[in-house]
Amino acid sequence: RLVESGGGLVQAGGSLNVSCVVSGRTFSRYA
C-alpha cells in the first residue's frame, strides 16, 4: 500500500511537500 498526503491549494510561486508512506519491510529494495 502506498498512501500519499500533503497536497492542497497553493498560490503560484508557493511551495508544497507531498509524501508517500509505503507499507511493508522491503521499501528500501525498490526505486
Full PDB file with SEQRES, HELIX, SHEET, SSBOND, CRYST1, ORIGX, SCALE, CONECT and MASTER records, all heavy atoms in Angstrom:
SEQRES   1 A   31  ARG LEU VAL GLU SER GLY GLY GLY LEU VAL GLN ALA GLY          
SEQRES   2 A   31  GLY SER LEU ASN VAL SER CYS VAL VAL SER GLY ARG THR          
SEQRES   3 A   31  PHE SER ARG TYR ALA                                          
HELIX    1 AA1 PHE A   27  ARG A   29  5                                   3    
SHEET    1 AA1 2 LEU A   2  SER A   5  0                                        
SHEET    2 AA1 2 SER A  19  VAL A  22 -1                                        
CRYST1    1.000    1.000    1.000  90.00  90.00  90.00 P 1           1          
ORIGX1      1.000000  0.000000  0.000000        0.00000                         
ORIGX2      0.000000  1.000000  0.000000        0.00000                         
ORIGX3      0.000000  0.000000  1.000000        0.00000                         
SCALE1      1.000000  0.000000  0.000000        0.00000                         
SCALE2      0.000000  1.000000  0.000000        0.00000                         
SCALE3      0.000000  0.000000  1.000000        0.00000                         
ATOM      1  N   ARG A   1       0.829  -1.193   0.000  1.00  0.00           N  
ATOM      2  CA  ARG A   1       0.000   0.000   0.000  1.00  0.00           C  
ATOM      3  C   ARG A   1       0.864   1.242   0.000  1.00  0.00           C  
ATOM      4  O   ARG A   1       1.873   1.307   0.695  1.00  0.00           O  
ATOM      5  CB  ARG A   1      -0.939   0.008   1.208  1.00  0.00           C  
ATOM      6  CG  ARG A   1      -2.076  -1.005   1.105  1.00  0.00           C  
ATOM      7  CD  ARG A   1      -3.046  -0.839   2.251  1.00  0.00           C  
ATOM      8  NE  ARG A   1      -2.459  -1.276   3.502  1.00  0.00           N  
ATOM      9  CZ  ARG A   1      -2.489  -2.523   3.947  1.00  0.00           C  
ATOM     10  NH1 ARG A   1      -3.087  -3.467   3.232  1.00  0.00           N  
ATOM     11  NH2 ARG A   1      -1.937  -2.832   5.102  1.00  0.00           N  
ATOM     12  N   LEU A   2       0.445   2.204  -0.785  1.00  0.00           N  
ATOM     13  CA  LEU A   2       1.112   3.488  -0.868  1.00  0.00           C  
ATOM     14  C   LEU A   2       0.066   4.562  -0.607  1.00  0.00           C  
ATOM     15  O   LEU A   2      -0.974   4.587  -1.257  1.00  0.00           O  
ATOM     16  CB  LEU A   2       1.744   3.711  -2.244  1.00  0.00           C  
ATOM     17  CG  LEU A   2       2.853   2.754  -2.705  1.00  0.00           C  
ATOM     18  CD1 LEU A   2       2.266   1.475  -3.294  1.00  0.00           C  
ATOM     19  CD2 LEU A   2       3.731   3.438  -3.743  1.00  0.00           C  
ATOM     20  N   VAL A   3       0.346   5.434   0.333  1.00  0.00           N  
ATOM     21  CA  VAL A   3      -0.601   6.461   0.726  1.00  0.00           C  
ATOM     22  C   VAL A   3       0.062   7.822   0.642  1.00  0.00           C  
ATOM     23  O   VAL A   3       0.989   8.110   1.404  1.00  0.00           O  
ATOM     24  CB  VAL A   3      -1.143   6.217   2.143  1.00  0.00           C  
ATOM     25  CG1 VAL A   3      -2.157   7.302   2.512  1.00  0.00           C  
ATOM     26  CG2 VAL A   3      -1.791   4.840   2.241  1.00  0.00           C  
ATOM     27  N   GLU A   4      -0.426   8.650  -0.270  1.00  0.00           N  
ATOM     28  CA  GLU A   4       0.097   9.994  -0.439  1.00  0.00           C  
ATOM     29  C   GLU A   4      -0.615  10.973   0.490  1.00  0.00           C  
ATOM     30  O   GLU A   4      -1.776  10.774   0.845  1.00  0.00           O  
ATOM     31  CB  GLU A   4      -0.073  10.477  -1.886  1.00  0.00           C  
ATOM     32  CG  GLU A   4       0.601   9.609  -2.936  1.00  0.00           C  
ATOM     33  CD  GLU A   4      -0.344   8.601  -3.559  1.00  0.00           C  
ATOM     34  OE1 GLU A   4      -1.356   8.232  -2.910  1.00  0.00           O  
ATOM     35  OE2 GLU A   4      -0.081   8.185  -4.708  1.00  0.00           O  
ATOM     36  N   SER A   5       0.083  12.035   0.817  1.00  0.00           N  
ATOM     37  CA  SER A   5      -0.505  13.110   1.600  1.00  0.00           C  
ATOM     38  C   SER A   5       0.271  14.390   1.335  1.00  0.00           C  
ATOM     39  O   SER A   5       1.351  14.371   0.760  1.00  0.00           O  
ATOM     40  CB  SER A   5      -0.502  12.785   3.093  1.00  0.00           C  
ATOM     41  OG  SER A   5       0.820  12.648   3.577  1.00  0.00           O  
ATOM     42  N   GLY A   6      -0.288  15.496   1.757  1.00  0.00           N  
ATOM     43  CA  GLY A   6       0.398  16.770   1.658  1.00  0.00           C  
ATOM     44  C   GLY A   6      -0.052  17.666   0.527  1.00  0.00           C  
ATOM     45  O   GLY A   6       0.418  18.802   0.424  1.00  0.00           O  
ATOM     46  N   GLY A   7      -0.943  17.178  -0.320  1.00  0.00           N  
ATOM     47  CA  GLY A   7      -1.448  18.018  -1.393  1.00  0.00           C  
ATOM     48  C   GLY A   7      -2.382  19.088  -0.863  1.00  0.00           C  
ATOM     49  O   GLY A   7      -2.742  19.104   0.314  1.00  0.00           O  
ATOM     50  N   GLY A   8      -2.753  19.989  -1.747  1.00  0.00           N  
ATOM     51  CA  GLY A   8      -3.650  21.052  -1.353  1.00  0.00           C  
ATOM     52  C   GLY A   8      -3.642  22.186  -2.344  1.00  0.00           C  
ATOM     53  O   GLY A   8      -3.179  22.049  -3.474  1.00  0.00           O  
ATOM     54  N   LEU A   9      -4.163  23.316  -1.907  1.00  0.00           N  
ATOM     55  CA  LEU A   9      -4.251  24.518  -2.726  1.00  0.00           C  
ATOM     56  C   LEU A   9      -3.137  25.475  -2.341  1.00  0.00           C  
ATOM     57  O   LEU A   9      -2.943  25.769  -1.157  1.00  0.00           O  
ATOM     58  CB  LEU A   9      -5.610  25.185  -2.532  1.00  0.00           C  
ATOM     59  CG  LEU A   9      -5.853  26.502  -3.262  1.00  0.00           C  
ATOM     60  CD1 LEU A   9      -5.840  26.283  -4.771  1.00  0.00           C  
ATOM     61  CD2 LEU A   9      -7.176  27.110  -2.816  1.00  0.00           C  
ATOM     62  N   VAL A  10      -2.424  25.957  -3.342  1.00  0.00           N  
ATOM     63  CA  VAL A  10      -1.321  26.874  -3.097  1.00  0.00           C  
ATOM     64  C   VAL A  10      -1.307  27.930  -4.191  1.00  0.00           C  
ATOM     65  O   VAL A  10      -1.697  27.661  -5.332  1.00  0.00           O  
ATOM     66  CB  VAL A  10       0.020  26.115  -3.040  1.00  0.00           C  
ATOM     67  CG1 VAL A  10       0.322  25.445  -4.372  1.00  0.00           C  
ATOM     68  CG2 VAL A  10       1.159  27.029  -2.629  1.00  0.00           C  
ATOM     69  N   GLN A  11      -0.871  29.133  -3.849  1.00  0.00           N  
ATOM     70  CA  GLN A  11      -0.762  30.194  -4.839  1.00  0.00           C  
ATOM     71  C   GLN A  11       0.467  29.996  -5.712  1.00  0.00           C  
ATOM     72  O   GLN A  11       1.446  29.379  -5.299  1.00  0.00           O  
ATOM     73  CB  GLN A  11      -0.680  31.558  -4.153  1.00  0.00           C  
ATOM     74  CG  GLN A  11      -1.968  32.000  -3.487  1.00  0.00           C  
ATOM     75  CD  GLN A  11      -1.879  33.408  -2.941  1.00  0.00           C  
ATOM     76  OE1 GLN A  11      -0.827  33.834  -2.472  1.00  0.00           O  
ATOM     77  NE2 GLN A  11      -2.973  34.133  -3.006  1.00  0.00           N  
ATOM     78  N   ALA A  12       0.394  30.518  -6.917  1.00  0.00           N  
ATOM     79  CA  ALA A  12       1.534  30.453  -7.816  1.00  0.00           C  
ATOM     80  C   ALA A  12       2.766  31.046  -7.144  1.00  0.00           C  
ATOM     81  O   ALA A  12       2.692  32.085  -6.493  1.00  0.00           O  
ATOM     82  CB  ALA A  12       1.231  31.190  -9.111  1.00  0.00           C  
ATOM     83  N   GLY A  13       3.884  30.358  -7.311  1.00  0.00           N  
ATOM     84  CA  GLY A  13       5.115  30.765  -6.662  1.00  0.00           C  
ATOM     85  C   GLY A  13       5.340  30.142  -5.310  1.00  0.00           C  
ATOM     86  O   GLY A  13       6.443  30.239  -4.759  1.00  0.00           O  
ATOM     87  N   GLY A  14       4.334  29.487  -4.785  1.00  0.00           N  
ATOM     88  CA  GLY A  14       4.432  28.868  -3.489  1.00  0.00           C  
ATOM     89  C   GLY A  14       5.042  27.486  -3.543  1.00  0.00           C  
ATOM     90  O   GLY A  14       5.470  27.013  -4.596  1.00  0.00           O  
ATOM     91  N   SER A  15       5.046  26.832  -2.399  1.00  0.00           N  
ATOM     92  CA  SER A  15       5.676  25.525  -2.268  1.00  0.00           C  
ATOM     93  C   SER A  15       4.762  24.541  -1.553  1.00  0.00           C  
ATOM     94  O   SER A  15       3.913  24.927  -0.746  1.00  0.00           O  
ATOM     95  CB  SER A  15       6.983  25.631  -1.483  1.00  0.00           C  
ATOM     96  OG  SER A  15       7.920  26.458  -2.139  1.00  0.00           O  
ATOM     97  N   LEU A  16       4.964  23.285  -1.861  1.00  0.00           N  
ATOM     98  CA  LEU A  16       4.303  22.190  -1.173  1.00  0.00           C  
ATOM     99  C   LEU A  16       5.271  21.026  -1.078  1.00  0.00           C  
ATOM    100  O   LEU A  16       6.137  20.852  -1.941  1.00  0.00           O  
ATOM    101  CB  LEU A  16       3.052  21.717  -1.912  1.00  0.00           C  
ATOM    102  CG  LEU A  16       1.761  22.510  -1.770  1.00  0.00           C  
ATOM    103  CD1 LEU A  16       0.689  21.899  -2.673  1.00  0.00           C  
ATOM    104  CD2 LEU A  16       1.282  22.512  -0.324  1.00  0.00           C  
ATOM    105  N   ASN A  17       5.101  20.236  -0.047  1.00  0.00           N  
ATOM    106  CA  ASN A  17       5.833  18.994   0.086  1.00  0.00           C  
ATOM    107  C   ASN A  17       4.833  17.864   0.224  1.00  0.00           C  
ATOM    108  O   ASN A  17       4.039  17.856   1.171  1.00  0.00           O  
ATOM    109  CB  ASN A  17       6.767  19.030   1.298  1.00  0.00           C  
ATOM    110  CG  ASN A  17       7.643  17.795   1.398  1.00  0.00           C  
ATOM    111  OD1 ASN A  17       7.224  16.752   1.909  1.00  0.00           O  
ATOM    112  ND2 ASN A  17       8.861  17.905   0.887  1.00  0.00           N  
ATOM    113  N   VAL A  18       4.845  16.961  -0.723  1.00  0.00           N  
ATOM    114  CA  VAL A  18       3.968  15.807  -0.655  1.00  0.00           C  
ATOM    115  C   VAL A  18       4.779  14.592  -0.231  1.00  0.00           C  
ATOM    116  O   VAL A  18       5.977  14.501  -0.503  1.00  0.00           O  
ATOM    117  CB  VAL A  18       3.241  15.538  -1.992  1.00  0.00           C  
ATOM    118  CG1 VAL A  18       2.272  16.671  -2.297  1.00  0.00           C  
ATOM    119  CG2 VAL A  18       4.236  15.382  -3.138  1.00  0.00           C  
ATOM    120  N   SER A  19       4.127  13.676   0.430  1.00  0.00           N  
ATOM    121  CA  SER A  19       4.812  12.495   0.919  1.00  0.00           C  
ATOM    122  C   SER A  19       4.016  11.246   0.588  1.00  0.00           C  
ATOM    123  O   SER A  19       2.832  11.308   0.262  1.00  0.00           O  
ATOM    124  CB  SER A  19       5.059  12.584   2.426  1.00  0.00           C  
ATOM    125  OG  SER A  19       3.842  12.666   3.141  1.00  0.00           O  
ATOM    126  N   CYS A  20       4.687  10.122   0.677  1.00  0.00           N  
ATOM    127  CA  CYS A  20       4.088   8.829   0.372  1.00  0.00           C  
ATOM    128  C   CYS A  20       4.636   7.810   1.359  1.00  0.00           C  
ATOM    129  O   CYS A  20       5.853   7.589   1.412  1.00  0.00           O  
ATOM    130  CB  CYS A  20       4.420   8.429  -1.068  1.00  0.00           C  
ATOM    131  SG  CYS A  20       3.972   6.745  -1.526  1.00  0.00           S  
ATOM    132  N   VAL A  21       3.758   7.213   2.129  1.00  0.00           N  
ATOM    133  CA  VAL A  21       4.138   6.174   3.073  1.00  0.00           C  
ATOM    134  C   VAL A  21       3.832   4.820   2.455  1.00  0.00           C  
ATOM    135  O   VAL A  21       2.710   4.577   2.001  1.00  0.00           O  
ATOM    136  CB  VAL A  21       3.410   6.334   4.415  1.00  0.00           C  
ATOM    137  CG1 VAL A  21       3.782   5.192   5.358  1.00  0.00           C  
ATOM    138  CG2 VAL A  21       3.750   7.673   5.044  1.00  0.00           C  
ATOM    139  N   VAL A  22       4.809   3.942   2.446  1.00  0.00           N  
ATOM    140  CA  VAL A  22       4.696   2.638   1.818  1.00  0.00           C  
ATOM    141  C   VAL A  22       4.703   1.557   2.879  1.00  0.00           C  
ATOM    142  O   VAL A  22       5.540   1.557   3.777  1.00  0.00           O  
ATOM    143  CB  VAL A  22       5.848   2.394   0.823  1.00  0.00           C  
ATOM    144  CG1 VAL A  22       5.656   1.066   0.100  1.00  0.00           C  
ATOM    145  CG2 VAL A  22       5.944   3.540  -0.170  1.00  0.00           C  
ATOM    146  N   SER A  23       3.782   0.628   2.761  1.00  0.00           N  
ATOM    147  CA  SER A  23       3.715  -0.472   3.709  1.00  0.00           C  
ATOM    148  C   SER A  23       4.744  -1.543   3.377  1.00  0.00           C  
ATOM    149  O   SER A  23       5.250  -1.619   2.255  1.00  0.00           O  
ATOM    150  CB  SER A  23       2.312  -1.081   3.717  1.00  0.00           C  
ATOM    151  OG  SER A  23       2.018  -1.689   2.465  1.00  0.00           O  
ATOM    152  N   GLY A  24       5.048  -2.371   4.357  1.00  0.00           N  
ATOM    153  CA  GLY A  24       5.961  -3.465   4.150  1.00  0.00           C  
ATOM    154  C   GLY A  24       7.371  -3.161   4.619  1.00  0.00           C  
ATOM    155  O   GLY A  24       7.722  -2.004   4.895  1.00  0.00           O  
ATOM    156  N   ARG A  25       8.170  -4.217   4.667  1.00  0.00           N  
ATOM    157  CA  ARG A  25       9.542  -4.100   5.152  1.00  0.00           C  
ATOM    158  C   ARG A  25      10.569  -4.012   4.039  1.00  0.00           C  
ATOM    159  O   ARG A  25      11.765  -3.917   4.333  1.00  0.00           O  
ATOM    160  CB  ARG A  25       9.870  -5.303   6.043  1.00  0.00           C  
ATOM    161  CG  ARG A  25       9.041  -5.406   7.306  1.00  0.00           C  
ATOM    162  CD  ARG A  25       9.396  -6.649   8.082  1.00  0.00           C  
ATOM    163  NE  ARG A  25       9.022  -7.864   7.361  1.00  0.00           N  
ATOM    164  CZ  ARG A  25       9.342  -9.096   7.736  1.00  0.00           C  
ATOM    165  NH1 ARG A  25      10.046  -9.277   8.846  1.00  0.00           N  
ATOM    166  NH2 ARG A  25       8.952 -10.140   7.011  1.00  0.00           N  
ATOM    167  N   THR A  26      10.120  -4.038   2.762  1.00  0.00           N  
ATOM    168  CA  THR A  26      11.031  -4.058   1.629  1.00  0.00           C  
ATOM    169  C   THR A  26      11.072  -2.742   0.869  1.00  0.00           C  
ATOM    170  O   THR A  26      11.489  -2.701  -0.283  1.00  0.00           O  
ATOM    171  CB  THR A  26      10.669  -5.192   0.657  1.00  0.00           C  
ATOM    172  OG1 THR A  26       9.337  -4.990   0.159  1.00  0.00           O  
ATOM    173  CG2 THR A  26      10.757  -6.534   1.353  1.00  0.00           C  
ATOM    174  N   PHE A  27      10.651  -1.669   1.504  1.00  0.00           N  
ATOM    175  CA  PHE A  27      10.648  -0.366   0.862  1.00  0.00           C  
ATOM    176  C   PHE A  27      12.006  -0.006   0.281  1.00  0.00           C  
ATOM    177  O   PHE A  27      12.107   0.511  -0.828  1.00  0.00           O  
ATOM    178  CB  PHE A  27      10.197   0.694   1.870  1.00  0.00           C  
ATOM    179  CG  PHE A  27      10.301   2.105   1.376  1.00  0.00           C  
ATOM    180  CD1 PHE A  27       9.391   2.603   0.463  1.00  0.00           C  
ATOM    181  CD2 PHE A  27      11.300   2.942   1.843  1.00  0.00           C  
ATOM    182  CE1 PHE A  27       9.475   3.911   0.011  1.00  0.00           C  
ATOM    183  CE2 PHE A  27      11.392   4.251   1.405  1.00  0.00           C  
ATOM    184  CZ  PHE A  27      10.476   4.734   0.488  1.00  0.00           C  
ATOM    185  N   SER A  28      13.058  -0.285   1.002  1.00  0.00           N  
ATOM    186  CA  SER A  28      14.399   0.118   0.594  1.00  0.00           C  
ATOM    187  C   SER A  28      14.955  -0.658  -0.586  1.00  0.00           C  
ATOM    188  O   SER A  28      15.990  -0.284  -1.131  1.00  0.00           O  
ATOM    189  CB  SER A  28      15.361   0.013   1.779  1.00  0.00           C  
ATOM    190  OG  SER A  28      15.484  -1.328   2.219  1.00  0.00           O  
ATOM    191  N   ARG A  29      14.294  -1.717  -1.016  1.00  0.00           N  
ATOM    192  CA  ARG A  29      14.785  -2.538  -2.114  1.00  0.00           C  
ATOM    193  C   ARG A  29      14.323  -2.056  -3.483  1.00  0.00           C  
ATOM    194  O   ARG A  29      14.725  -2.632  -4.500  1.00  0.00           O  
ATOM    195  CB  ARG A  29      14.347  -3.994  -1.924  1.00  0.00           C  
ATOM    196  CG  ARG A  29      14.960  -4.672  -0.717  1.00  0.00           C  
ATOM    197  CD  ARG A  29      14.528  -6.125  -0.646  1.00  0.00           C  
ATOM    198  NE  ARG A  29      15.106  -6.809   0.504  1.00  0.00           N  
ATOM    199  CZ  ARG A  29      16.266  -7.442   0.488  1.00  0.00           C  
ATOM    200  NH1 ARG A  29      16.987  -7.490  -0.631  1.00  0.00           N  
ATOM    201  NH2 ARG A  29      16.719  -8.032   1.581  1.00  0.00           N  
ATOM    202  N   TYR A  30      13.501  -1.033  -3.537  1.00  0.00           N  
ATOM    203  CA  TYR A  30      12.909  -0.599  -4.788  1.00  0.00           C  
ATOM    204  C   TYR A  30      13.159   0.864  -5.058  1.00  0.00           C  
ATOM    205  O   TYR A  30      13.148   1.693  -4.152  1.00  0.00           O  
ATOM    206  CB  TYR A  30      11.395  -0.838  -4.776  1.00  0.00           C  
ATOM    207  CG  TYR A  30      10.994  -2.276  -4.573  1.00  0.00           C  
ATOM    208  CD1 TYR A  30      10.756  -2.777  -3.302  1.00  0.00           C  
ATOM    209  CD2 TYR A  30      10.858  -3.128  -5.662  1.00  0.00           C  
ATOM    210  CE1 TYR A  30      10.388  -4.100  -3.114  1.00  0.00           C  
ATOM    211  CE2 TYR A  30      10.490  -4.447  -5.480  1.00  0.00           C  
ATOM    212  CZ  TYR A  30      10.253  -4.930  -4.205  1.00  0.00           C  
ATOM    213  OH  TYR A  30       9.880  -6.234  -4.034  1.00  0.00           O  
ATOM    214  N   ALA A  31      13.361   1.156  -6.345  1.00  0.00           N  
ATOM    215  CA  ALA A  31      13.292   2.540  -6.768  1.00  0.00           C  
ATOM    216  C   ALA A  31      11.860   3.053  -6.588  1.00  0.00           C  
ATOM    217  O   ALA A  31      10.904   2.269  -6.597  1.00  0.00           O  
ATOM    218  CB  ALA A  31      13.713   2.669  -8.225  1.00  0.00           C  
TER     219      ALA A  31                                                      
MASTER        0    0    0    1    2    0    0    6  218    1    0    3          
END                                                                             
